[in-house]
């Protein structure tokens, strides 16, 4: 277990590209930022609870977290996750912008450091 409390993070990128990576353009999903598939463990803290979930995708603006019982919309959350198992954990504040019971929640980053933003942008760009 690392300093963020995440044990053995695994990254599985799915797609049709030779590298096995995929991204969704903002035009398709009407999002502000390009997203990259990212399936890895994430620690979320909100409303006095700490929970482990998995991510589905990530962008410099936020990520989707799978959860059968997601936090309610507008909840302030702290998130801790790795882009790659060899990378330091990204730790930041976020806000639940949508919550779908049985599926998960969309989290918008609100307190992302410049270094983490650069790491996220590089990760998404490499997934292109």
N, C-alpha and C. Protein backbone atom coordinates (compact mmCIF):
# COMPACT_ATOMS: atom_id res chain seq x y z
N UNK A 1 0.85 -1.18 0.00
CA UNK A 1 0.00 0.00 0.00
C UNK A 1 0.89 1.24 0.00
N UNK A 2 0.54 2.24 -0.81
CA UNK A 2 1.37 3.44 -0.89
C UNK A 2 0.86 4.52 0.05
N UNK A 3 1.47 5.71 -0.04
CA UNK A 3 1.11 6.80 0.87
C UNK A 3 -0.31 7.29 0.67
N UNK A 4 -0.92 7.01 -0.48
CA UNK A 4 -2.30 7.42 -0.72
C UNK A 4 -3.27 6.35 -0.25
N UNK A 5 -2.75 5.22 0.26
CA UNK A 5 -3.62 4.16 0.75
C UNK A 5 -4.15 3.27 -0.36
N UNK A 6 -3.51 3.27 -1.52
CA UNK A 6 -3.96 2.47 -2.64
C UNK A 6 -3.00 1.30 -2.81
N UNK A 7 -3.55 0.10 -2.87
CA UNK A 7 -2.69 -1.07 -2.99
C UNK A 7 -2.61 -1.53 -4.44
N UNK A 8 -1.40 -1.74 -4.91
CA UNK A 8 -1.13 -2.28 -6.24
C UNK A 8 -2.04 -1.73 -7.33
N UNK A 9 -1.97 -0.45 -7.63
CA UNK A 9 -2.84 0.08 -8.67
C UNK A 9 -2.55 -0.57 -10.01
N UNK A 10 -3.57 -0.90 -10.74
CA UNK A 10 -3.44 -1.51 -12.05
C UNK A 10 -4.07 -0.59 -13.08
N UNK A 11 -3.44 -0.46 -14.22
CA UNK A 11 -3.97 0.34 -15.31
C UNK A 11 -4.26 -0.59 -16.47
N UNK A 12 -5.47 -0.52 -16.97
CA UNK A 12 -5.85 -1.30 -18.13
C UNK A 12 -6.49 -0.34 -19.11
N UNK A 13 -5.80 -0.05 -20.18
CA UNK A 13 -6.32 0.85 -21.20
C UNK A 13 -6.91 0.00 -22.32
N UNK A 14 -8.15 0.32 -22.73
CA UNK A 14 -8.81 -0.44 -23.78
C UNK A 14 -9.04 0.44 -24.98
N UNK A 15 -8.94 -0.15 -26.16
CA UNK A 15 -9.21 0.62 -27.36
C UNK A 15 -8.81 -0.14 -28.61
N UNK A 16 -8.91 0.52 -29.73
CA UNK A 16 -8.61 -0.11 -31.00
C UNK A 16 -7.24 0.29 -31.53
N UNK A 17 -6.58 1.20 -30.85
CA UNK A 17 -5.26 1.64 -31.28
C UNK A 17 -4.26 0.51 -31.05
N UNK A 18 -3.17 0.46 -31.85
CA UNK A 18 -2.16 -0.59 -31.69
C UNK A 18 -1.59 -0.63 -30.27
N UNK A 19 -1.51 0.54 -29.63
CA UNK A 19 -0.97 0.59 -28.28
C UNK A 19 -2.00 0.14 -27.25
N UNK A 20 -3.23 -0.14 -27.68
CA UNK A 20 -4.27 -0.55 -26.75
C UNK A 20 -4.90 0.61 -26.02
N UNK A 21 -4.72 1.84 -26.53
CA UNK A 21 -5.27 3.02 -25.87
C UNK A 21 -6.40 3.61 -26.70
N UNK A 22 -7.24 4.35 -26.03
CA UNK A 22 -8.39 4.96 -26.70
C UNK A 22 -8.70 6.28 -26.04
N UNK A 23 -9.23 7.22 -26.79
CA UNK A 23 -9.74 8.44 -26.18
C UNK A 23 -11.03 8.83 -26.86
N UNK A 24 -11.84 9.59 -26.17
CA UNK A 24 -13.10 10.06 -26.70
C UNK A 24 -12.97 11.55 -26.92
N UNK A 25 -13.28 12.02 -28.10
CA UNK A 25 -13.15 13.45 -28.38
C UNK A 25 -14.30 14.22 -27.77
N UNK A 26 -14.08 15.49 -27.43
CA UNK A 26 -15.15 16.30 -26.85
C UNK A 26 -16.34 16.45 -27.78
N UNK A 27 -16.12 16.39 -29.11
CA UNK A 27 -17.22 16.53 -30.05
C UNK A 27 -18.22 15.38 -29.90
N UNK A 28 -17.72 14.20 -29.60
CA UNK A 28 -18.60 13.05 -29.47
C UNK A 28 -19.42 13.14 -28.19
N UNK A 29 -18.79 13.43 -27.09
CA UNK A 29 -19.47 13.45 -25.80
C UNK A 29 -19.82 14.85 -25.34
N UNK A 30 -19.52 15.87 -26.14
CA UNK A 30 -19.81 17.26 -25.80
C UNK A 30 -19.17 17.66 -24.48
N UNK A 31 -17.93 17.26 -24.31
CA UNK A 31 -17.18 17.59 -23.11
C UNK A 31 -16.14 18.65 -23.44
N UNK A 32 -15.67 19.31 -22.40
CA UNK A 32 -14.68 20.37 -22.59
C UNK A 32 -13.29 19.80 -22.86
N UNK A 33 -12.98 18.64 -22.29
CA UNK A 33 -11.64 18.06 -22.39
C UNK A 33 -11.70 16.66 -22.98
N UNK A 34 -10.65 16.31 -23.75
CA UNK A 34 -10.52 14.93 -24.23
C UNK A 34 -10.32 14.01 -23.04
N UNK A 35 -10.85 12.80 -23.15
CA UNK A 35 -10.73 11.83 -22.08
C UNK A 35 -9.93 10.63 -22.57
N UNK A 36 -9.30 9.95 -21.63
CA UNK A 36 -8.59 8.71 -21.92
C UNK A 36 -9.14 7.63 -21.00
N UNK A 37 -9.22 6.42 -21.51
CA UNK A 37 -9.65 5.31 -20.67
C UNK A 37 -8.62 5.10 -19.57
N UNK A 38 -9.10 4.91 -18.37
CA UNK A 38 -8.22 4.64 -17.23
C UNK A 38 -8.99 3.79 -16.24
N UNK A 39 -8.61 2.54 -16.13
CA UNK A 39 -9.23 1.65 -15.16
C UNK A 39 -8.20 1.38 -14.08
N UNK A 40 -8.38 2.06 -12.96
CA UNK A 40 -7.45 1.93 -11.85
C UNK A 40 -8.19 2.18 -10.55
N UNK A 41 -7.63 1.73 -9.45
CA UNK A 41 -8.24 1.93 -8.14
C UNK A 41 -8.12 3.40 -7.73
N UNK A 42 -9.17 3.90 -7.08
CA UNK A 42 -9.19 5.28 -6.61
C UNK A 42 -9.77 5.32 -5.20
N UNK A 43 -9.16 6.15 -4.37
CA UNK A 43 -9.69 6.36 -3.01
C UNK A 43 -10.44 7.68 -3.03
N UNK A 44 -11.69 7.66 -2.57
CA UNK A 44 -12.54 8.85 -2.52
C UNK A 44 -12.96 9.09 -1.08
N UNK A 45 -12.87 10.35 -0.65
CA UNK A 45 -13.30 10.74 0.69
C UNK A 45 -14.31 11.86 0.57
N UNK A 46 -15.47 11.66 1.20
CA UNK A 46 -16.52 12.69 1.23
C UNK A 46 -17.54 12.31 2.29
N UNK A 47 -18.20 13.31 2.82
CA UNK A 47 -19.29 13.11 3.77
C UNK A 47 -18.89 12.20 4.93
N UNK A 48 -17.63 12.33 5.36
CA UNK A 48 -17.15 11.53 6.48
C UNK A 48 -16.89 10.07 6.14
N UNK A 49 -16.91 9.73 4.86
CA UNK A 49 -16.67 8.35 4.42
C UNK A 49 -15.42 8.29 3.55
N UNK A 50 -14.73 7.16 3.63
CA UNK A 50 -13.59 6.88 2.76
C UNK A 50 -13.89 5.58 2.05
N UNK A 51 -13.85 5.60 0.72
CA UNK A 51 -14.23 4.42 -0.06
C UNK A 51 -13.22 4.17 -1.17
N UNK A 52 -13.05 2.90 -1.53
CA UNK A 52 -12.22 2.51 -2.68
C UNK A 52 -13.14 2.13 -3.83
N UNK A 53 -12.86 2.67 -5.00
CA UNK A 53 -13.63 2.39 -6.21
C UNK A 53 -12.67 2.21 -7.36
N UNK A 54 -13.21 2.18 -8.58
CA UNK A 54 -12.38 2.17 -9.79
C UNK A 54 -12.79 3.32 -10.68
N UNK A 55 -11.80 3.84 -11.40
CA UNK A 55 -12.08 4.87 -12.39
C UNK A 55 -12.45 4.18 -13.70
N UNK A 56 -13.09 4.94 -14.59
CA UNK A 56 -13.38 4.45 -15.94
C UNK A 56 -12.62 5.25 -16.98
N UNK A 57 -12.60 6.56 -16.80
CA UNK A 57 -11.85 7.42 -17.71
C UNK A 57 -11.44 8.69 -16.98
N UNK A 58 -10.51 9.43 -17.61
CA UNK A 58 -9.95 10.61 -16.96
C UNK A 58 -9.65 11.67 -18.00
N UNK A 59 -9.69 12.93 -17.59
CA UNK A 59 -9.26 14.06 -18.41
C UNK A 59 -8.60 15.06 -17.47
N UNK A 60 -8.10 16.16 -18.01
CA UNK A 60 -7.53 17.19 -17.14
C UNK A 60 -8.63 17.89 -16.35
N UNK A 61 -9.88 17.70 -16.72
CA UNK A 61 -10.99 18.34 -16.02
C UNK A 61 -11.65 17.49 -14.96
N UNK A 62 -11.47 16.16 -15.04
CA UNK A 62 -12.14 15.30 -14.08
C UNK A 62 -12.06 13.85 -14.48
N UNK A 63 -12.90 13.03 -13.83
CA UNK A 63 -12.91 11.60 -14.11
C UNK A 63 -14.26 11.00 -13.76
N UNK A 64 -14.46 9.76 -14.23
CA UNK A 64 -15.66 9.02 -13.87
C UNK A 64 -15.26 7.91 -12.92
N UNK A 65 -16.01 7.77 -11.83
CA UNK A 65 -15.75 6.77 -10.80
C UNK A 65 -16.92 5.80 -10.78
N UNK A 66 -16.65 4.51 -10.94
CA UNK A 66 -17.72 3.53 -10.86
C UNK A 66 -18.07 3.27 -9.40
N UNK A 67 -19.36 3.22 -9.11
CA UNK A 67 -19.82 3.00 -7.74
C UNK A 67 -21.31 2.66 -7.77
N UNK A 68 -21.70 1.64 -7.03
CA UNK A 68 -23.13 1.32 -6.93
C UNK A 68 -23.86 2.35 -6.08
N UNK A 69 -23.15 2.93 -5.12
CA UNK A 69 -23.72 3.96 -4.24
C UNK A 69 -22.84 5.20 -4.29
N UNK A 70 -22.91 5.96 -5.39
CA UNK A 70 -22.04 7.14 -5.51
C UNK A 70 -22.44 8.24 -4.54
N UNK A 71 -21.50 9.14 -4.30
CA UNK A 71 -21.81 10.31 -3.48
C UNK A 71 -22.83 11.17 -4.23
N UNK A 72 -23.64 11.93 -3.50
CA UNK A 72 -24.65 12.77 -4.15
C UNK A 72 -24.03 13.89 -4.99
N UNK A 73 -24.78 14.34 -5.97
CA UNK A 73 -24.36 15.48 -6.79
C UNK A 73 -24.06 16.66 -5.90
N UNK A 74 -23.05 17.44 -6.25
CA UNK A 74 -22.57 18.62 -5.54
C UNK A 74 -21.74 18.31 -4.30
N UNK A 75 -21.49 17.02 -4.00
CA UNK A 75 -20.62 16.66 -2.88
C UNK A 75 -19.19 17.09 -3.19
N UNK A 76 -18.50 17.61 -2.18
CA UNK A 76 -17.08 17.91 -2.29
C UNK A 76 -16.33 16.63 -1.92
N UNK A 77 -15.38 16.22 -2.77
CA UNK A 77 -14.66 14.97 -2.54
C UNK A 77 -13.15 15.20 -2.63
N UNK A 78 -12.42 14.35 -1.94
CA UNK A 78 -10.97 14.26 -2.10
C UNK A 78 -10.71 12.95 -2.82
N UNK A 79 -9.85 12.98 -3.84
CA UNK A 79 -9.55 11.76 -4.59
C UNK A 79 -8.04 11.52 -4.62
N UNK A 80 -7.68 10.24 -4.65
CA UNK A 80 -6.28 9.81 -4.68
C UNK A 80 -6.19 8.64 -5.65
N UNK A 81 -5.37 8.76 -6.71
CA UNK A 81 -5.25 7.70 -7.70
C UNK A 81 -3.92 7.82 -8.44
N UNK A 82 -3.58 6.78 -9.18
CA UNK A 82 -2.36 6.73 -9.99
C UNK A 82 -2.73 6.63 -11.46
N UNK A 83 -2.01 7.35 -12.32
CA UNK A 83 -2.17 7.17 -13.76
C UNK A 83 -1.45 5.91 -14.21
N UNK A 84 -0.28 5.67 -13.64
CA UNK A 84 0.52 4.47 -13.88
C UNK A 84 1.01 3.99 -12.52
N UNK A 85 1.24 2.70 -12.39
CA UNK A 85 1.65 2.18 -11.09
C UNK A 85 2.99 2.75 -10.64
N UNK A 86 3.82 3.19 -11.59
CA UNK A 86 5.13 3.74 -11.25
C UNK A 86 5.08 5.24 -10.93
N UNK A 87 3.95 5.89 -11.21
CA UNK A 87 3.82 7.33 -10.98
C UNK A 87 3.38 7.63 -9.55
N UNK A 88 3.74 8.81 -9.03
CA UNK A 88 3.21 9.21 -7.73
C UNK A 88 1.70 9.38 -7.81
N UNK A 89 1.05 9.26 -6.68
CA UNK A 89 -0.41 9.42 -6.65
C UNK A 89 -0.80 10.85 -6.95
N UNK A 90 -1.90 11.00 -7.66
CA UNK A 90 -2.52 12.30 -7.84
C UNK A 90 -3.52 12.45 -6.70
N UNK A 91 -3.42 13.55 -6.00
CA UNK A 91 -4.27 13.82 -4.85
C UNK A 91 -4.86 15.21 -5.03
N UNK A 92 -6.19 15.29 -5.08
CA UNK A 92 -6.79 16.61 -5.27
C UNK A 92 -8.23 16.64 -4.77
N UNK A 93 -8.77 17.84 -4.76
CA UNK A 93 -10.17 18.05 -4.42
C UNK A 93 -10.99 17.99 -5.70
N UNK A 94 -12.26 17.66 -5.54
CA UNK A 94 -13.16 17.63 -6.67
C UNK A 94 -14.60 17.84 -6.22
N UNK A 95 -15.47 17.93 -7.20
CA UNK A 95 -16.90 18.11 -6.95
C UNK A 95 -17.66 17.10 -7.80
N UNK A 96 -18.63 16.42 -7.20
CA UNK A 96 -19.46 15.48 -7.94
C UNK A 96 -20.42 16.30 -8.80
N UNK A 97 -20.26 16.22 -10.12
CA UNK A 97 -21.10 17.01 -11.02
C UNK A 97 -22.31 16.22 -11.51
N UNK A 98 -22.23 14.91 -11.47
CA UNK A 98 -23.42 14.08 -11.67
C UNK A 98 -23.23 12.76 -10.96
N UNK A 99 -24.35 12.18 -10.53
CA UNK A 99 -24.33 10.96 -9.74
C UNK A 99 -25.44 10.04 -10.26
N UNK A 100 -25.06 8.83 -10.64
CA UNK A 100 -26.01 7.88 -11.20
C UNK A 100 -26.00 6.62 -10.34
N UNK A 101 -27.03 6.44 -9.52
CA UNK A 101 -27.11 5.28 -8.63
C UNK A 101 -26.97 4.00 -9.44
N UNK A 102 -26.12 3.12 -8.95
CA UNK A 102 -25.88 1.85 -9.61
C UNK A 102 -24.79 1.91 -10.68
N UNK A 103 -24.38 3.12 -11.08
CA UNK A 103 -23.35 3.26 -12.11
C UNK A 103 -22.10 3.97 -11.62
N UNK A 104 -22.28 5.16 -11.06
CA UNK A 104 -21.11 5.90 -10.60
C UNK A 104 -21.33 7.39 -10.60
N UNK A 105 -20.22 8.12 -10.64
CA UNK A 105 -20.30 9.58 -10.53
C UNK A 105 -19.21 10.24 -11.37
N UNK A 106 -19.55 11.40 -11.90
CA UNK A 106 -18.59 12.23 -12.59
C UNK A 106 -18.03 13.23 -11.62
N UNK A 107 -16.72 13.29 -11.50
CA UNK A 107 -16.06 14.19 -10.56
C UNK A 107 -15.26 15.22 -11.35
N UNK A 108 -15.53 16.49 -11.09
CA UNK A 108 -14.78 17.58 -11.70
C UNK A 108 -13.68 17.99 -10.74
N UNK A 109 -12.43 18.07 -11.23
CA UNK A 109 -11.33 18.50 -10.38
C UNK A 109 -11.48 19.98 -10.06
N UNK A 110 -11.33 20.33 -8.77
CA UNK A 110 -11.40 21.73 -8.36
C UNK A 110 -10.10 22.19 -7.71
N UNK A 111 -9.24 21.27 -7.33
CA UNK A 111 -8.00 21.64 -6.67
C UNK A 111 -6.83 20.85 -7.20
N UNK A 112 -6.60 20.91 -8.51
CA UNK A 112 -5.55 20.14 -9.15
C UNK A 112 -4.27 20.98 -9.23
N UNK A 113 -3.16 20.42 -8.77
CA UNK A 113 -1.89 21.16 -8.86
C UNK A 113 -1.45 21.27 -10.32
N UNK A 114 -0.57 22.22 -10.59
CA UNK A 114 -0.05 22.40 -11.95
C UNK A 114 0.68 21.13 -12.41
N UNK A 115 1.49 20.55 -11.53
CA UNK A 115 2.24 19.35 -11.88
C UNK A 115 1.31 18.19 -12.23
N UNK A 116 0.24 18.02 -11.45
CA UNK A 116 -0.71 16.94 -11.73
C UNK A 116 -1.47 17.21 -13.03
N UNK A 117 -1.79 18.47 -13.29
CA UNK A 117 -2.47 18.82 -14.54
C UNK A 117 -1.58 18.48 -15.74
N UNK A 118 -0.29 18.79 -15.64
CA UNK A 118 0.65 18.47 -16.71
C UNK A 118 0.72 16.95 -16.90
N UNK A 119 0.79 16.19 -15.81
CA UNK A 119 0.83 14.72 -15.90
C UNK A 119 -0.42 14.17 -16.56
N UNK A 120 -1.58 14.71 -16.18
CA UNK A 120 -2.84 14.27 -16.78
C UNK A 120 -2.89 14.59 -18.27
N UNK A 121 -2.46 15.80 -18.63
CA UNK A 121 -2.49 16.18 -20.05
C UNK A 121 -1.57 15.28 -20.87
N UNK A 122 -0.40 14.99 -20.34
CA UNK A 122 0.54 14.10 -21.03
C UNK A 122 -0.06 12.71 -21.20
N UNK A 123 -0.70 12.20 -20.15
CA UNK A 123 -1.33 10.88 -20.20
C UNK A 123 -2.41 10.84 -21.28
N UNK A 124 -3.27 11.85 -21.31
CA UNK A 124 -4.35 11.90 -22.31
C UNK A 124 -3.76 12.03 -23.71
N UNK A 125 -2.76 12.89 -23.87
CA UNK A 125 -2.13 13.07 -25.18
C UNK A 125 -1.50 11.77 -25.68
N UNK A 126 -0.87 11.02 -24.79
CA UNK A 126 -0.24 9.76 -25.17
C UNK A 126 -1.28 8.70 -25.52
N UNK A 127 -2.50 8.89 -25.08
CA UNK A 127 -3.58 7.95 -25.38
C UNK A 127 -4.20 8.22 -26.74
N UNK A 128 -3.75 9.26 -27.39
CA UNK A 128 -4.27 9.67 -28.70
C UNK A 128 -3.76 8.76 -29.79
